[in-house]
Amino acid sequence: MAATFELIAEIREDKGRGASRRLRRNADKFPGIIYGGEQEPQMIEIEHRHIVKALENEAFYSHIITLKVSGNDEQVILKDLQRHPAKPRVLHADFQRVKKGHKISVHVPLHFLNEDTCPGVKLQGGVVAHLMSDIEVLCLPEDLPEFIEVDCTELNIGDTIHLSEIKVPDTVEIIALSHDDDQDQPVVNIHKPRAVVEEEEVTGEEPAAGESEEKKEGGKEE
């Protein structure tokens, strides 16, 4: 069953940095904004406790959210989230309105499958490197995937999966691939453990000039 998310917000009358600081400090709320669609941007405020639980769910970041603003429902997606650098606090949130029939761009998390059982790890002792944790896609709101799977079943050491090799529904477009072929970036690969690489480098070193002759003569001068 797909997750559903609702947040309660109020219209924010006081604006400016000072008002935002007072809001966070005295009311345990944080400021935000809703924009997009045919309406004007709307400044809002949200109680911190209302968003804390939702942020624990990965799907919240790539899901349609019902934002209840002073009794009116807005269908939105989370576009940006500003956090406190040292405390588990949200400082500001940006929400974009979504409209049926209009495509939206969203960063969708990647789920990597069969990493531990692929030949590169299980048989060859390789290490998995995630080069991306999410990708930006373009699609209609009703086609927005909660996550995208990356299957590592066939990977050997030295193998890489690129954006163009990721399977997405026909209704979903990977934005980077629509720009340029040079944007076909690597997503995940399997490489040798660092210790093995360093050992091979040391083993493969050539002796310094004159070292071979010394070894042949026992390292001593006649």
N, C-alpha and C. Protein backbone atom coordinates (compact mmCIF):
# COMPACT_ATOMS: atom_id res chain seq x y z
N MET A 1 0.84 -1.19 0.00
CA MET A 1 0.00 0.00 0.00
C MET A 1 0.88 1.25 0.00
N ALA A 2 0.62 2.19 -0.90
CA ALA A 2 1.43 3.38 -1.00
C ALA A 2 1.22 4.28 0.21
N ALA A 3 2.28 4.94 0.63
CA ALA A 3 2.20 5.84 1.77
C ALA A 3 1.43 7.09 1.39
N THR A 4 0.74 7.67 2.38
CA THR A 4 0.06 8.94 2.19
C THR A 4 0.57 9.91 3.25
N PHE A 5 0.72 11.17 2.87
CA PHE A 5 1.26 12.16 3.79
C PHE A 5 0.38 13.40 3.82
N GLU A 6 0.12 13.87 5.03
CA GLU A 6 -0.62 15.11 5.24
C GLU A 6 0.13 15.98 6.24
N LEU A 7 0.17 17.27 5.97
CA LEU A 7 0.75 18.24 6.88
C LEU A 7 -0.24 19.37 7.11
N ILE A 8 -0.27 19.87 8.33
CA ILE A 8 -1.13 21.00 8.66
C ILE A 8 -0.28 22.26 8.71
N ALA A 9 -0.73 23.29 8.03
CA ALA A 9 0.01 24.55 8.00
C ALA A 9 -0.96 25.71 8.18
N GLU A 10 -0.40 26.85 8.51
CA GLU A 10 -1.17 28.07 8.64
C GLU A 10 -0.55 29.16 7.78
N ILE A 11 -1.36 30.09 7.32
CA ILE A 11 -0.83 31.21 6.55
C ILE A 11 0.01 32.09 7.48
N ARG A 12 1.18 32.48 6.99
CA ARG A 12 2.10 33.28 7.82
C ARG A 12 1.96 34.75 7.42
N GLU A 13 1.61 35.54 8.41
CA GLU A 13 1.41 36.97 8.17
C GLU A 13 2.72 37.74 8.34
N ASP A 14 3.46 37.45 9.42
CA ASP A 14 4.72 38.15 9.68
C ASP A 14 5.81 37.61 8.77
N LYS A 15 6.54 38.50 8.12
CA LYS A 15 7.58 38.09 7.20
C LYS A 15 8.91 38.69 7.61
N GLY A 16 9.98 38.18 7.01
CA GLY A 16 11.30 38.69 7.32
C GLY A 16 12.07 37.75 8.21
N ARG A 17 13.39 37.99 8.30
CA ARG A 17 14.25 37.10 9.08
C ARG A 17 13.94 37.15 10.56
N GLY A 18 13.67 38.34 11.06
CA GLY A 18 13.36 38.47 12.48
C GLY A 18 12.12 37.68 12.86
N ALA A 19 11.09 37.77 12.02
CA ALA A 19 9.85 37.05 12.29
C ALA A 19 10.08 35.54 12.23
N SER A 20 10.93 35.11 11.30
CA SER A 20 11.21 33.67 11.18
C SER A 20 11.95 33.16 12.41
N ARG A 21 12.90 33.95 12.91
CA ARG A 21 13.63 33.55 14.12
C ARG A 21 12.70 33.45 15.32
N ARG A 22 11.82 34.42 15.46
CA ARG A 22 10.86 34.39 16.58
C ARG A 22 9.93 33.19 16.46
N LEU A 23 9.54 32.88 15.24
CA LEU A 23 8.64 31.75 15.01
C LEU A 23 9.29 30.45 15.47
N ARG A 24 10.55 30.24 15.08
CA ARG A 24 11.26 29.01 15.46
C ARG A 24 11.51 28.96 16.97
N ARG A 25 11.84 30.11 17.55
CA ARG A 25 12.26 30.14 18.96
C ARG A 25 11.08 30.07 19.92
N ASN A 26 10.02 30.81 19.64
CA ASN A 26 8.94 30.96 20.61
C ASN A 26 7.75 30.03 20.37
N ALA A 27 7.54 29.64 19.14
CA ALA A 27 6.34 28.87 18.83
C ALA A 27 6.62 27.44 18.43
N ASP A 28 7.88 27.03 18.39
CA ASP A 28 8.25 25.69 17.96
C ASP A 28 7.67 25.37 16.58
N LYS A 29 7.73 26.39 15.72
CA LYS A 29 7.30 26.23 14.34
C LYS A 29 8.45 26.61 13.42
N PHE A 30 8.26 26.41 12.13
CA PHE A 30 9.25 26.86 11.15
C PHE A 30 8.52 27.42 9.94
N PRO A 31 9.14 28.37 9.24
CA PRO A 31 8.50 28.98 8.07
C PRO A 31 8.66 28.14 6.82
N GLY A 32 7.78 28.36 5.87
CA GLY A 32 7.86 27.68 4.58
C GLY A 32 7.18 28.50 3.51
N ILE A 33 7.20 27.98 2.31
CA ILE A 33 6.56 28.67 1.19
C ILE A 33 5.97 27.63 0.24
N ILE A 34 4.82 27.98 -0.34
CA ILE A 34 4.21 27.16 -1.40
C ILE A 34 4.23 28.01 -2.67
N TYR A 35 4.68 27.41 -3.76
CA TYR A 35 4.71 28.17 -5.02
C TYR A 35 4.34 27.23 -6.17
N GLY A 36 4.21 27.84 -7.35
CA GLY A 36 3.89 27.05 -8.54
C GLY A 36 2.40 27.10 -8.87
N GLY A 37 2.07 26.54 -10.01
CA GLY A 37 0.69 26.55 -10.46
C GLY A 37 0.27 27.94 -10.91
N GLU A 38 -1.01 28.20 -10.84
CA GLU A 38 -1.56 29.48 -11.30
C GLU A 38 -1.75 30.46 -10.15
N GLN A 39 -1.39 30.05 -8.94
CA GLN A 39 -1.58 30.91 -7.78
C GLN A 39 -0.28 31.60 -7.41
N GLU A 40 -0.42 32.65 -6.64
CA GLU A 40 0.74 33.37 -6.14
C GLU A 40 1.43 32.55 -5.04
N PRO A 41 2.73 32.76 -4.85
CA PRO A 41 3.42 32.09 -3.73
C PRO A 41 2.74 32.44 -2.40
N GLN A 42 2.69 31.45 -1.52
CA GLN A 42 2.02 31.64 -0.22
C GLN A 42 3.00 31.33 0.91
N MET A 43 3.21 32.29 1.79
CA MET A 43 4.05 32.08 2.97
C MET A 43 3.25 31.31 4.02
N ILE A 44 3.85 30.28 4.60
CA ILE A 44 3.16 29.45 5.59
C ILE A 44 4.04 29.21 6.80
N GLU A 45 3.45 28.65 7.83
CA GLU A 45 4.19 28.19 9.01
C GLU A 45 3.65 26.83 9.42
N ILE A 46 4.56 25.98 9.87
CA ILE A 46 4.21 24.59 10.21
C ILE A 46 4.78 24.25 11.58
N GLU A 47 4.02 23.55 12.39
CA GLU A 47 4.54 23.10 13.68
C GLU A 47 5.61 22.04 13.43
N HIS A 48 6.71 22.17 14.14
CA HIS A 48 7.85 21.28 13.91
C HIS A 48 7.47 19.82 14.14
N ARG A 49 6.66 19.57 15.15
CA ARG A 49 6.30 18.18 15.49
C ARG A 49 5.52 17.50 14.36
N HIS A 50 4.87 18.28 13.52
CA HIS A 50 4.06 17.70 12.45
C HIS A 50 4.91 17.12 11.32
N ILE A 51 6.12 17.60 11.18
CA ILE A 51 6.94 17.14 10.06
C ILE A 51 8.01 16.13 10.48
N VAL A 52 8.33 16.09 11.78
CA VAL A 52 9.42 15.23 12.26
C VAL A 52 9.19 13.77 11.88
N LYS A 53 8.01 13.25 12.15
CA LYS A 53 7.72 11.85 11.87
C LYS A 53 7.75 11.57 10.38
N ALA A 54 7.21 12.49 9.58
CA ALA A 54 7.17 12.29 8.13
C ALA A 54 8.57 12.21 7.54
N LEU A 55 9.50 12.98 8.07
CA LEU A 55 10.86 13.02 7.54
C LEU A 55 11.62 11.71 7.76
N GLU A 56 11.12 10.88 8.64
CA GLU A 56 11.75 9.58 8.89
C GLU A 56 11.44 8.59 7.77
N ASN A 57 10.45 8.91 6.96
CA ASN A 57 10.02 8.03 5.87
C ASN A 57 10.64 8.51 4.56
N GLU A 58 11.42 7.66 3.92
CA GLU A 58 12.10 8.02 2.67
C GLU A 58 11.11 8.50 1.61
N ALA A 59 9.92 7.93 1.59
CA ALA A 59 8.94 8.25 0.56
C ALA A 59 8.45 9.69 0.65
N PHE A 60 8.59 10.32 1.79
CA PHE A 60 8.12 11.69 1.97
C PHE A 60 8.80 12.65 1.00
N TYR A 61 10.05 12.35 0.66
CA TYR A 61 10.83 13.26 -0.17
C TYR A 61 10.47 13.16 -1.66
N SER A 62 9.75 12.12 -2.04
CA SER A 62 9.40 11.94 -3.46
C SER A 62 7.94 11.52 -3.60
N HIS A 63 7.09 12.16 -2.84
CA HIS A 63 5.69 11.75 -2.79
C HIS A 63 4.79 12.99 -2.83
N ILE A 64 3.59 12.81 -3.36
CA ILE A 64 2.62 13.89 -3.33
C ILE A 64 2.13 14.06 -1.88
N ILE A 65 2.18 15.29 -1.39
CA ILE A 65 1.80 15.59 -0.01
C ILE A 65 0.53 16.45 -0.02
N THR A 66 -0.39 16.13 0.87
CA THR A 66 -1.56 16.98 1.06
C THR A 66 -1.24 17.99 2.15
N LEU A 67 -1.16 19.24 1.78
CA LEU A 67 -0.83 20.30 2.72
C LEU A 67 -2.12 21.05 3.05
N LYS A 68 -2.57 20.93 4.29
CA LYS A 68 -3.82 21.56 4.72
C LYS A 68 -3.49 22.96 5.25
N VAL A 69 -3.81 23.97 4.46
CA VAL A 69 -3.47 25.35 4.79
C VAL A 69 -4.74 26.11 5.16
N SER A 70 -4.91 26.36 6.47
CA SER A 70 -6.08 27.12 6.95
C SER A 70 -7.38 26.57 6.38
N GLY A 71 -7.51 25.25 6.38
CA GLY A 71 -8.74 24.61 5.93
C GLY A 71 -8.79 24.24 4.46
N ASN A 72 -7.84 24.72 3.66
CA ASN A 72 -7.80 24.39 2.23
C ASN A 72 -6.70 23.37 1.95
N ASP A 73 -6.99 22.40 1.10
CA ASP A 73 -6.02 21.35 0.76
C ASP A 73 -5.23 21.74 -0.47
N GLU A 74 -3.91 21.62 -0.37
CA GLU A 74 -3.00 21.86 -1.50
C GLU A 74 -2.23 20.57 -1.77
N GLN A 75 -2.18 20.15 -3.03
CA GLN A 75 -1.37 19.01 -3.41
C GLN A 75 0.02 19.51 -3.80
N VAL A 76 1.03 19.06 -3.08
CA VAL A 76 2.38 19.62 -3.26
C VAL A 76 3.42 18.50 -3.21
N ILE A 77 4.64 18.87 -3.62
CA ILE A 77 5.80 18.02 -3.38
C ILE A 77 6.85 18.86 -2.65
N LEU A 78 7.67 18.22 -1.87
CA LEU A 78 8.74 18.90 -1.16
C LEU A 78 9.89 19.16 -2.13
N LYS A 79 10.24 20.44 -2.34
CA LYS A 79 11.29 20.80 -3.28
C LYS A 79 12.61 21.13 -2.58
N ASP A 80 12.54 21.64 -1.37
CA ASP A 80 13.78 21.98 -0.68
C ASP A 80 13.52 22.01 0.82
N LEU A 81 14.54 21.58 1.57
CA LEU A 81 14.43 21.53 3.03
C LEU A 81 15.73 22.04 3.64
N GLN A 82 15.62 23.07 4.44
CA GLN A 82 16.81 23.63 5.11
C GLN A 82 16.82 23.16 6.56
N ARG A 83 17.91 22.51 6.95
CA ARG A 83 18.05 21.98 8.31
C ARG A 83 19.07 22.78 9.10
N HIS A 84 18.94 22.72 10.41
CA HIS A 84 19.94 23.32 11.29
C HIS A 84 21.23 22.52 11.17
N PRO A 85 22.39 23.18 11.07
CA PRO A 85 23.65 22.44 10.89
C PRO A 85 24.06 21.55 12.06
N ALA A 86 23.55 21.84 13.26
CA ALA A 86 24.00 21.07 14.42
C ALA A 86 22.86 20.42 15.21
N LYS A 87 21.63 20.86 15.00
CA LYS A 87 20.51 20.34 15.77
C LYS A 87 19.50 19.65 14.84
N PRO A 88 18.74 18.71 15.37
CA PRO A 88 17.73 18.03 14.55
C PRO A 88 16.50 18.90 14.35
N ARG A 89 16.70 20.01 13.69
CA ARG A 89 15.64 20.99 13.50
C ARG A 89 15.51 21.38 12.02
N VAL A 90 14.27 21.58 11.60
CA VAL A 90 14.00 22.10 10.26
C VAL A 90 13.91 23.62 10.36
N LEU A 91 14.61 24.33 9.47
CA LEU A 91 14.61 25.79 9.49
C LEU A 91 13.65 26.39 8.46
N HIS A 92 13.50 25.70 7.33
CA HIS A 92 12.63 26.24 6.27
C HIS A 92 12.31 25.12 5.28
N ALA A 93 11.14 25.19 4.67
CA ALA A 93 10.74 24.18 3.68
C ALA A 93 10.08 24.87 2.48
N ASP A 94 10.41 24.39 1.28
CA ASP A 94 9.79 24.87 0.04
C ASP A 94 8.90 23.75 -0.51
N PHE A 95 7.66 24.09 -0.83
CA PHE A 95 6.74 23.13 -1.43
C PHE A 95 6.28 23.66 -2.79
N GLN A 96 6.20 22.77 -3.76
CA GLN A 96 5.73 23.14 -5.10
C GLN A 96 4.36 22.51 -5.35
N ARG A 97 3.43 23.33 -5.80
CA ARG A 97 2.10 22.82 -6.12
C ARG A 97 2.17 21.87 -7.32
N VAL A 98 1.33 20.86 -7.31
CA VAL A 98 1.23 19.96 -8.45
C VAL A 98 -0.19 20.00 -8.98
N LYS A 99 -0.30 19.80 -10.28
CA LYS A 99 -1.60 19.86 -10.93
C LYS A 99 -1.73 18.68 -11.88
N LYS A 100 -2.86 18.04 -11.84
CA LYS A 100 -3.10 16.88 -12.69
C LYS A 100 -2.93 17.27 -14.16
N GLY A 101 -2.16 16.46 -14.88
CA GLY A 101 -1.93 16.73 -16.30
C GLY A 101 -0.69 17.55 -16.56
N HIS A 102 -0.04 18.05 -15.51
CA HIS A 102 1.17 18.85 -15.66
C HIS A 102 2.35 18.08 -15.07
N LYS A 103 3.41 17.90 -15.86
CA LYS A 103 4.56 17.13 -15.41
C LYS A 103 5.34 17.89 -14.34
N ILE A 104 5.99 17.13 -13.45
CA ILE A 104 6.80 17.70 -12.39
C ILE A 104 8.17 17.01 -12.39
N SER A 105 9.18 17.72 -11.92
CA SER A 105 10.51 17.13 -11.76
C SER A 105 10.76 16.87 -10.28
N VAL A 106 11.20 15.66 -9.98
CA VAL A 106 11.37 15.25 -8.59
C VAL A 106 12.62 14.38 -8.48
N HIS A 107 13.35 14.53 -7.38
CA HIS A 107 14.46 13.63 -7.08
C HIS A 107 13.90 12.39 -6.39
N VAL A 108 14.12 11.24 -7.01
CA VAL A 108 13.57 9.98 -6.51
C VAL A 108 14.72 9.11 -5.99
N PRO A 109 14.59 8.53 -4.79
CA PRO A 109 15.67 7.71 -4.23
C PRO A 109 15.88 6.41 -5.02
N LEU A 110 17.12 5.93 -5.01
CA LEU A 110 17.48 4.67 -5.65
C LEU A 110 17.54 3.56 -4.62
N HIS A 111 17.02 2.40 -4.96
CA HIS A 111 17.13 1.20 -4.13
C HIS A 111 18.00 0.19 -4.87
N PHE A 112 19.10 -0.19 -4.26
CA PHE A 112 20.05 -1.10 -4.90
C PHE A 112 19.75 -2.54 -4.47
N LEU A 113 19.53 -3.41 -5.46
CA LEU A 113 19.13 -4.79 -5.20
C LEU A 113 20.28 -5.76 -5.49
N ASN A 114 20.31 -6.85 -4.71
CA ASN A 114 21.22 -7.98 -4.94
C ASN A 114 22.70 -7.60 -4.92
N GLU A 115 23.05 -6.66 -4.08
CA GLU A 115 24.45 -6.26 -3.97
C GLU A 115 25.31 -7.37 -3.34
N ASP A 116 24.80 -7.96 -2.27
CA ASP A 116 25.59 -8.95 -1.53
C ASP A 116 25.75 -10.26 -2.27
N THR A 117 24.87 -10.53 -3.23
CA THR A 117 24.91 -11.82 -3.92
C THR A 117 25.46 -11.73 -5.34
N CYS A 118 25.82 -10.53 -5.79
CA CYS A 118 26.37 -10.43 -7.15
C CYS A 118 27.77 -11.05 -7.18
N PRO A 119 28.23 -11.55 -8.34
CA PRO A 119 29.54 -12.23 -8.43
C PRO A 119 30.70 -11.36 -7.95
N GLY A 120 30.64 -10.07 -8.23
CA GLY A 120 31.74 -9.19 -7.85
C GLY A 120 31.96 -9.11 -6.36
N VAL A 121 30.90 -9.29 -5.58
CA VAL A 121 31.00 -9.24 -4.12
C VAL A 121 31.12 -10.63 -3.52
N LYS A 122 30.20 -11.52 -3.87
CA LYS A 122 30.15 -12.83 -3.24
C LYS A 122 31.32 -13.73 -3.63
N LEU A 123 31.71 -13.71 -4.89
CA LEU A 123 32.75 -14.62 -5.38
C LEU A 123 34.12 -13.97 -5.52
N GLN A 124 34.14 -12.66 -5.77
CA GLN A 124 35.42 -11.99 -6.05
C GLN A 124 35.88 -11.04 -4.95
N GLY A 125 35.07 -10.91 -3.90
CA GLY A 125 35.48 -10.08 -2.76
C GLY A 125 35.49 -8.60 -3.03
N GLY A 126 34.72 -8.15 -4.01
CA GLY A 126 34.69 -6.73 -4.35
C GLY A 126 33.85 -5.90 -3.38
N VAL A 127 33.93 -4.59 -3.55
CA VAL A 127 33.21 -3.64 -2.71
C VAL A 127 32.26 -2.81 -3.59
N VAL A 128 31.04 -2.61 -3.10
CA VAL A 128 30.05 -1.83 -3.84
C VAL A 128 30.24 -0.35 -3.54
N ALA A 129 30.22 0.47 -4.57
CA ALA A 129 30.31 1.93 -4.42
C ALA A 129 29.07 2.57 -5.03
N HIS A 130 28.25 3.20 -4.19
CA HIS A 130 27.08 3.95 -4.68
C HIS A 130 27.54 5.34 -5.09
N LEU A 131 27.45 5.64 -6.36
CA LEU A 131 27.88 6.94 -6.87
C LEU A 131 26.74 7.95 -6.92
N MET A 132 25.52 7.46 -6.78
CA MET A 132 24.33 8.31 -6.68
C MET A 132 23.38 7.67 -5.67
N SER A 133 22.64 8.51 -4.98
CA SER A 133 21.63 8.00 -4.04
C SER A 133 20.22 8.29 -4.55
N ASP A 134 20.10 9.21 -5.50
CA ASP A 134 18.80 9.51 -6.10
C ASP A 134 19.02 10.08 -7.51
N ILE A 135 17.97 10.11 -8.29
CA ILE A 135 18.04 10.71 -9.62
C ILE A 135 16.81 11.59 -9.83
N GLU A 136 16.97 12.61 -10.67
CA GLU A 136 15.87 13.52 -10.95
C GLU A 136 15.09 13.02 -12.16
N VAL A 137 13.78 12.90 -11.99
CA VAL A 137 12.92 12.40 -13.07
C VAL A 137 11.84 13.42 -13.39
N LEU A 138 11.26 13.26 -14.57
CA LEU A 138 10.15 14.09 -15.02
C LEU A 138 8.97 13.19 -15.35
N CYS A 139 7.82 13.51 -14.77
CA CYS A 139 6.64 12.67 -15.02
C CYS A 139 5.39 13.40 -14.53
N LEU A 140 4.24 12.84 -14.84
CA LEU A 140 2.98 13.35 -14.32
C LEU A 140 2.87 12.98 -12.84
N PRO A 141 2.18 13.78 -12.03
CA PRO A 141 2.06 13.48 -10.60
C PRO A 141 1.58 12.07 -10.29
N GLU A 142 0.61 11.59 -11.09
CA GLU A 142 0.06 10.25 -10.83
C GLU A 142 1.03 9.12 -11.18
N ASP A 143 2.09 9.45 -11.94
CA ASP A 143 3.07 8.43 -12.33
C ASP A 143 4.36 8.50 -11.51
N LEU A 144 4.39 9.36 -10.51
CA LEU A 144 5.61 9.55 -9.72
C LEU A 144 5.97 8.28 -8.94
N PRO A 145 7.16 7.68 -9.21
CA PRO A 145 7.54 6.48 -8.46
C PRO A 145 8.04 6.84 -7.06
N GLU A 146 7.78 5.96 -6.11
CA GLU A 146 8.25 6.17 -4.74
C GLU A 146 9.76 5.98 -4.66
N PHE A 147 10.26 5.05 -5.47
CA PHE A 147 11.70 4.81 -5.58
C PHE A 147 11.97 4.12 -6.90
N ILE A 148 13.24 4.03 -7.28
CA ILE A 148 13.64 3.35 -8.51
C ILE A 148 14.67 2.29 -8.17
N GLU A 149 14.47 1.10 -8.68
CA GLU A 149 15.34 -0.04 -8.37
C GLU A 149 16.52 -0.12 -9.33
N VAL A 150 17.69 -0.45 -8.77
CA VAL A 150 18.89 -0.70 -9.55
C VAL A 150 19.36 -2.11 -9.24
N ASP A 151 19.27 -3.00 -10.21
CA ASP A 151 19.59 -4.41 -9.99
C ASP A 151 21.07 -4.68 -10.25
N CYS A 152 21.78 -5.13 -9.21
CA CYS A 152 23.22 -5.38 -9.31
C CYS A 152 23.56 -6.86 -9.52
N THR A 153 22.56 -7.67 -9.86
CA THR A 153 22.73 -9.12 -9.92
C THR A 153 23.93 -9.59 -10.73
N GLU A 154 24.18 -8.97 -11.88
CA GLU A 154 25.19 -9.47 -12.80
C GLU A 154 26.56 -8.79 -12.66
N LEU A 155 26.73 -7.93 -11.71
CA LEU A 155 27.96 -7.14 -11.63
C LEU A 155 29.17 -7.95 -11.16
N ASN A 156 30.28 -7.78 -11.88
CA ASN A 156 31.57 -8.32 -11.48
C ASN A 156 32.48 -7.15 -11.10
N ILE A 157 33.65 -7.46 -10.54
CA ILE A 157 34.60 -6.40 -10.22
C ILE A 157 34.95 -5.64 -11.50
N GLY A 158 34.90 -4.34 -11.42
CA GLY A 158 35.18 -3.50 -12.58
C GLY A 158 33.95 -3.09 -13.36
N ASP A 159 32.81 -3.70 -13.06
CA ASP A 159 31.57 -3.37 -13.77
C ASP A 159 30.90 -2.12 -13.18
N THR A 160 30.19 -1.40 -14.04
CA THR A 160 29.50 -0.18 -13.65
C THR A 160 28.12 -0.13 -14.29
N ILE A 161 27.15 0.34 -13.56
CA ILE A 161 25.82 0.60 -14.11
C ILE A 161 25.68 2.11 -14.29
N HIS A 162 25.28 2.53 -15.51
CA HIS A 162 25.09 3.95 -15.82
C HIS A 162 23.60 4.30 -15.82
N LEU A 163 23.32 5.59 -15.86
CA LEU A 163 21.93 6.05 -15.86
C LEU A 163 21.11 5.41 -16.97
N SER A 164 21.70 5.28 -18.15
CA SER A 164 20.97 4.74 -19.30
C SER A 164 20.59 3.27 -19.13
N GLU A 165 21.20 2.60 -18.17
CA GLU A 165 20.93 1.18 -17.94
C GLU A 165 19.89 0.95 -16.86
N ILE A 166 19.42 2.02 -16.23
CA ILE A 166 18.40 1.89 -15.20
C ILE A 166 17.02 1.78 -15.85
N LYS A 167 16.25 0.81 -15.41
CA LYS A 167 14.92 0.61 -15.96
C LYS A 167 13.90 1.47 -15.21
N VAL A 168 13.22 2.33 -15.94
CA VAL A 168 12.15 3.15 -15.37
C VAL A 168 10.90 2.95 -16.20
N PRO A 169 9.73 3.21 -15.64
CA PRO A 169 8.49 3.08 -16.43
C PRO A 169 8.50 3.98 -17.65
N ASP A 170 7.74 3.62 -18.67
CA ASP A 170 7.67 4.41 -19.91
C ASP A 170 7.17 5.82 -19.66
N THR A 171 6.43 6.00 -18.57
CA THR A 171 5.85 7.31 -18.26
C THR A 171 6.81 8.20 -17.46
N VAL A 172 8.00 7.69 -17.17
CA VAL A 172 8.97 8.42 -16.35
C VAL A 172 10.23 8.67 -17.18
N GLU A 173 10.74 9.89 -17.14
CA GLU A 173 11.93 10.26 -17.91
C GLU A 173 13.05 10.70 -16.97
N ILE A 174 14.25 10.15 -17.18
CA ILE A 174 15.41 10.58 -16.41
C ILE A 174 15.92 11.87 -17.04
N ILE A 175 15.86 12.96 -16.30
CA ILE A 175 16.12 14.28 -16.86
C ILE A 175 17.53 14.40 -17.43
N ALA A 176 18.52 13.88 -16.74
CA ALA A 176 19.91 14.01 -17.19
C ALA A 176 20.10 13.44 -18.59
N LEU A 177 19.41 12.37 -18.92
CA LEU A 177 19.59 11.72 -20.22
C LEU A 177 18.92 12.50 -21.35
N SER A 178 18.05 13.44 -21.02
CA SER A 178 17.38 14.23 -22.06
C SER A 178 18.23 15.43 -22.49
N HIS A 179 19.30 15.71 -21.74
CA HIS A 179 20.14 16.87 -22.04
C HIS A 179 21.24 16.55 -23.03
N ASP A 180 22.02 15.50 -22.71
CA ASP A 180 23.23 15.25 -23.49
C ASP A 180 23.72 13.83 -23.20
N ASP A 181 24.32 13.20 -24.19
CA ASP A 181 24.87 11.86 -23.98
C ASP A 181 25.98 11.86 -22.93
N ASP A 182 26.65 13.00 -22.77
CA ASP A 182 27.72 13.10 -21.78
C ASP A 182 27.20 13.03 -20.36
N GLN A 183 25.88 13.16 -20.20
CA GLN A 183 25.28 13.12 -18.87
C GLN A 183 24.91 11.71 -18.42
N ASP A 184 25.33 10.71 -19.20
CA ASP A 184 25.06 9.32 -18.82
C ASP A 184 26.06 8.90 -17.74
N GLN A 185 25.81 9.37 -16.53
CA GLN A 185 26.75 9.23 -15.43
C GLN A 185 26.68 7.83 -14.80
N PRO A 186 27.80 7.38 -14.17
CA PRO A 186 27.78 6.11 -13.45
C PRO A 186 26.95 6.22 -12.17
N VAL A 187 26.25 5.16 -11.85
CA VAL A 187 25.37 5.13 -10.69
C VAL A 187 25.93 4.24 -9.59
N VAL A 188 26.47 3.09 -9.96
CA VAL A 188 27.04 2.16 -8.98
C VAL A 188 28.11 1.32 -9.68
N ASN A 189 29.14 0.94 -8.94
CA ASN A 189 30.14 0.04 -9.50
C ASN A 189 30.71 -0.88 -8.42
N ILE A 190 31.45 -1.89 -8.89
CA ILE A 190 32.11 -2.83 -7.98
C ILE A 190 33.62 -2.69 -8.19
N HIS A 191 34.34 -2.47 -7.10
CA HIS A 191 35.79 -2.32 -7.23
C HIS A 191 36.51 -3.19 -6.20
N LYS A 192 37.80 -3.38 -6.41
CA LYS A 192 38.60 -4.17 -5.48
C LYS A 192 38.75 -3.42 -4.16
N PRO A 193 38.86 -4.15 -3.03
CA PRO A 193 39.10 -3.49 -1.75
C PRO A 193 40.41 -2.70 -1.82
N ARG A 194 40.50 -1.61 -1.09
CA ARG A 194 41.68 -0.74 -1.14
C ARG A 194 42.95 -1.49 -0.76
N ALA A 195 42.88 -2.37 0.23
CA ALA A 195 44.06 -3.10 0.68
C ALA A 195 44.64 -3.96 -0.44
N VAL A 196 43.75 -4.55 -1.24
CA VAL A 196 44.20 -5.40 -2.34
C VAL A 196 44.87 -4.56 -3.41
N VAL A 197 44.27 -3.41 -3.72
CA VAL A 197 44.83 -2.52 -4.73
C VAL A 197 46.22 -2.05 -4.31
N GLU A 198 46.37 -1.66 -3.04
CA GLU A 198 47.65 -1.16 -2.56
C GLU A 198 48.70 -2.27 -2.60
N GLU A 199 48.30 -3.50 -2.26
CA GLU A 199 49.23 -4.63 -2.28
C GLU A 199 49.70 -4.91 -3.70
N GLU A 200 48.79 -4.82 -4.66
CA GLU A 200 49.16 -5.07 -6.06
C GLU A 200 50.11 -3.98 -6.55
N GLU A 201 49.88 -2.75 -6.10
CA GLU A 201 50.75 -1.66 -6.52
C GLU A 201 52.16 -1.85 -5.99
N VAL A 202 52.26 -2.29 -4.73
CA VAL A 202 53.58 -2.53 -4.14
C VAL A 202 54.28 -3.69 -4.81
N THR A 203 53.53 -4.77 -5.06
CA THR A 203 54.10 -5.96 -5.70
C THR A 203 54.57 -5.66 -7.11
N GLY A 204 53.89 -4.77 -7.78
CA GLY A 204 54.22 -4.47 -9.17
C GLY A 204 55.28 -3.40 -9.34
N GLU A 205 55.84 -2.87 -8.24
CA GLU A 205 56.85 -1.83 -8.35
C GLU A 205 58.14 -2.38 -8.95
N GLU A 206 58.77 -1.60 -9.81
CA GLU A 206 60.05 -1.99 -10.38
C GLU A 206 61.17 -1.52 -9.46
N PRO A 207 62.26 -2.29 -9.34
CA PRO A 207 63.36 -1.89 -8.47
C PRO A 207 64.00 -0.60 -8.95
N ALA A 208 64.52 0.16 -8.02
CA ALA A 208 65.19 1.41 -8.36
C ALA A 208 66.46 1.12 -9.14
N ALA A 209 66.95 2.12 -9.85
CA ALA A 209 68.16 1.96 -10.66
C ALA A 209 69.31 1.47 -9.82
N GLY A 210 69.99 0.42 -10.28
CA GLY A 210 71.13 -0.13 -9.56
C GLY A 210 70.76 -1.17 -8.53
N GLU A 211 69.46 -1.26 -8.19
CA GLU A 211 69.05 -2.19 -7.15
C GLU A 211 69.17 -3.64 -7.60
N SER A 212 68.87 -3.92 -8.88
CA SER A 212 68.92 -5.29 -9.39
C SER A 212 70.34 -5.84 -9.31
N GLU A 213 71.33 -5.04 -9.71
CA GLU A 213 72.72 -5.51 -9.70
C GLU A 213 73.18 -5.81 -8.28
N GLU A 214 72.76 -4.95 -7.32
CA GLU A 214 73.17 -5.18 -5.95
C GLU A 214 72.62 -6.49 -5.42
N LYS A 215 71.33 -6.79 -5.81
CA LYS A 215 70.72 -8.04 -5.35
C LYS A 215 71.45 -9.24 -5.95
N LYS A 216 71.87 -9.10 -7.24
CA LYS A 216 72.56 -10.21 -7.87
C LYS A 216 73.88 -10.49 -7.18
N GLU A 217 74.55 -9.43 -6.70
CA GLU A 217 75.89 -9.60 -6.10
C GLU A 217 75.80 -9.73 -4.59
N GLY A 218 74.55 -9.98 -4.11
CA GLY A 218 74.39 -10.18 -2.67
C GLY A 218 74.34 -8.88 -1.91
N GLY A 219 74.28 -7.76 -2.64
CA GLY A 219 74.16 -6.48 -2.00
C GLY A 219 75.50 -6.01 -1.43
N LYS A 220 76.63 -6.66 -1.77
CA LYS A 220 77.93 -6.28 -1.22
C LYS A 220 78.89 -5.95 -2.37
N GLU A 221 79.79 -5.05 -2.06
CA GLU A 221 80.83 -4.71 -3.05
C GLU A 221 82.02 -5.65 -2.85
N GLU A 222 82.67 -6.04 -3.97
CA GLU A 222 83.86 -6.91 -3.91
C GLU A 222 85.01 -6.14 -3.33
